[in-house]
Protein backbone atom coordinates (compact mmCIF):
# COMPACT_ATOMS: atom_id res chain seq x y z
CA MET A 1 -9.58 7.44 -8.75
CA ALA A 2 -12.88 8.40 -10.29
CA PHE A 3 -14.95 6.43 -7.78
CA PHE A 4 -15.00 9.20 -5.22
CA HIS A 5 -17.77 11.73 -5.39
CA TRP A 6 -17.60 14.13 -2.44
CA ASN A 7 -20.77 14.86 -0.61
CA SER A 8 -20.10 17.29 2.27
CA GLY A 9 -21.05 15.99 5.66
CA ARG A 10 -21.15 12.35 4.49
CA THR A 11 -17.50 11.45 4.55
CA ALA A 12 -17.90 7.98 6.02
CA ARG A 13 -20.60 7.01 3.58
CA ALA A 14 -18.65 8.36 0.66
CA PHE A 15 -15.61 6.32 1.63
CA GLU A 16 -17.77 3.20 2.22
CA LYS A 17 -19.29 3.58 -1.26
CA ALA A 18 -15.93 4.15 -2.91
CA THR A 19 -14.38 1.17 -1.10
CA ALA A 20 -17.32 -1.07 -2.08
CA GLU A 21 -16.91 -0.01 -5.75
CA LEU A 22 -13.18 -0.67 -5.64
CA GLN A 23 -13.73 -4.07 -3.96
CA ARG A 24 -16.32 -4.95 -6.63
CA ARG A 25 -13.94 -4.11 -9.46
CA ALA A 26 -10.78 -5.64 -7.96
CA PRO A 27 -8.59 -7.08 -9.17
CA MET A 28 -8.27 -4.58 -11.99
CA ASP A 29 -5.42 -3.00 -13.96
CA LEU A 30 -4.99 0.65 -13.15
CA THR A 31 -2.12 0.99 -15.62
CA PRO A 32 -0.12 -1.56 -17.61
CA GLU A 33 2.31 -1.68 -14.66
CA VAL A 34 -0.07 -1.49 -11.66
CA ARG A 35 -2.99 -3.75 -10.65
CA LEU A 36 -5.37 -2.99 -7.78
CA GLU A 37 -5.73 -6.23 -5.85
CA LYS A 38 -8.06 -5.10 -3.06
CA ALA A 39 -9.47 -2.21 -1.12
CA GLU A 40 -10.81 -2.15 2.41
CA LEU A 41 -12.00 0.49 4.81
CA LYS A 42 -10.51 0.21 8.34
CA GLY A 43 -12.09 3.07 10.33
CA LYS A 44 -10.79 6.23 8.69
CA GLU A 45 -8.19 4.38 6.59
CA LEU A 46 -8.78 3.31 3.00
CA ALA A 47 -6.26 0.54 2.54
CA LEU A 48 -5.30 -0.36 -1.00
CA SER A 49 -3.16 -3.27 -2.13
CA LEU A 50 -1.46 -2.75 -5.46
CA THR A 51 0.77 -5.14 -7.38
CA LEU A 52 3.57 -3.60 -9.40
CA LEU A 53 3.73 -5.71 -12.50
CA ASP A 54 6.82 -3.98 -13.92
CA GLU A 55 9.91 -6.07 -13.76
CA ASP A 56 11.71 -3.07 -12.37
CA ALA A 57 10.10 -3.86 -9.03
CA ASP A 58 12.94 -6.33 -8.56
CA THR A 59 15.73 -3.98 -9.46
CA PRO A 60 18.52 -3.04 -6.96
CA GLU A 61 17.40 -1.27 -3.78
CA VAL A 62 18.66 2.19 -4.83
CA GLN A 63 16.51 2.14 -7.96
CA GLN A 64 13.58 0.69 -5.94
CA SER A 65 13.72 3.53 -3.42
CA GLN A 66 13.72 6.10 -6.26
CA GLY A 67 10.73 4.40 -7.84
CA ILE A 68 8.89 4.19 -4.51
CA HIS A 69 9.54 7.89 -3.83
CA LEU A 70 8.20 8.70 -7.36
CA LEU A 71 5.12 6.49 -6.75
CA LYS A 72 4.38 8.16 -3.43
CA THR A 73 4.89 11.66 -4.86
CA MET A 74 2.51 10.90 -7.73
CA LEU A 75 -0.14 9.37 -5.48
CA THR A 76 0.16 12.17 -2.92
CA LYS A 77 -0.08 14.95 -5.46
CA GLY A 78 -2.93 13.22 -7.30
CA TRP A 79 -5.00 12.44 -4.26
CA CYS A 80 -4.36 15.75 -2.51
CA ALA A 81 -5.39 17.69 -5.66
CA ASN A 82 -8.57 15.59 -6.10
CA LYS A 83 -11.52 17.82 -5.15
CA ASP A 84 -13.48 14.73 -4.07
CA LEU A 85 -10.78 13.19 -1.92
CA ARG A 86 -9.12 16.22 -0.33
CA PRO A 87 -12.03 17.19 2.01
CA ALA A 88 -12.00 13.64 3.46
CA ILE A 89 -8.23 13.71 3.89
CA ASN A 90 -8.65 17.07 5.65
CA GLU A 91 -11.13 15.37 8.04
CA GLY A 92 -8.48 12.85 9.07
CA TYR A 93 -9.03 10.08 6.55
CA VAL A 94 -5.92 8.32 5.41
CA ILE A 95 -5.28 6.48 2.14
CA SER A 96 -2.72 3.76 2.57
CA VAL A 97 -1.10 1.60 -0.05
CA THR A 98 0.70 -1.66 0.21
CA ALA A 99 2.74 -2.12 -2.91
CA LEU A 100 3.46 -5.71 -3.78
CA ARG A 101 5.94 -7.28 -6.18
CA ALA A 102 4.59 -9.60 -8.89
CA ASP A 103 5.46 -12.57 -6.66
CA GLY A 104 3.21 -11.24 -3.87
CA SER A 105 5.95 -10.10 -1.54
CA VAL A 106 5.70 -6.60 0.00
CA LEU A 107 7.79 -3.96 -1.68
CA THR A 108 6.70 -1.02 0.45
CA ARG A 109 3.89 0.52 2.43
CA LEU A 110 2.96 4.19 2.17
CA SER A 111 0.14 6.47 3.22
CA VAL A 112 -1.30 9.89 2.34
CA THR A 113 -2.38 12.09 5.22
CA GLU A 114 -3.49 15.70 5.63
CA GLU A 115 0.06 16.70 6.65
CA GLU A 116 1.47 15.25 3.44
CA CYS A 117 -1.21 17.03 1.38
CA ILE A 118 -0.14 20.33 2.88
CA CYS A 119 3.46 19.48 1.90
CA ALA A 120 2.42 18.51 -1.65
CA VAL A 121 0.63 21.81 -2.11
CA GLN A 122 3.57 23.81 -0.83
CA GLY A 123 5.94 22.01 -3.24
CA ASP A 124 9.52 21.95 -2.16
CA VAL A 125 8.87 23.42 1.29
CA CYS A 126 8.13 19.98 2.73
CA VAL A 127 9.79 16.68 2.08
CA ILE A 128 7.23 13.95 1.25
CA ARG A 129 8.38 10.90 3.14
């Protein structure tokens, strides 16, 4: 997410600005398969609602769990490697995602925390839940 520009010592304001920008742009397509519906800041949690537009969101549960694990792994690695986001995550900020099916029902909820960033950096040493 290119909306985050880290400014040391101003974590709350940076997250407020980023959230406001995401709210202004939503709904918006992030990829052909994923649309950002809304973003809101709840204390130290940036809560994102995403709709998975791909028809595979309604596949059998085993395939869904593999897809959800892949989504979480990609988000975690991407956000934890982001030089603008990582300092905020290290300060206790959390990015949470509610993934919705195209019909609006909840597919899954996941979050990225400092602990999971440490796991992502260490690779296979930790299991990303």
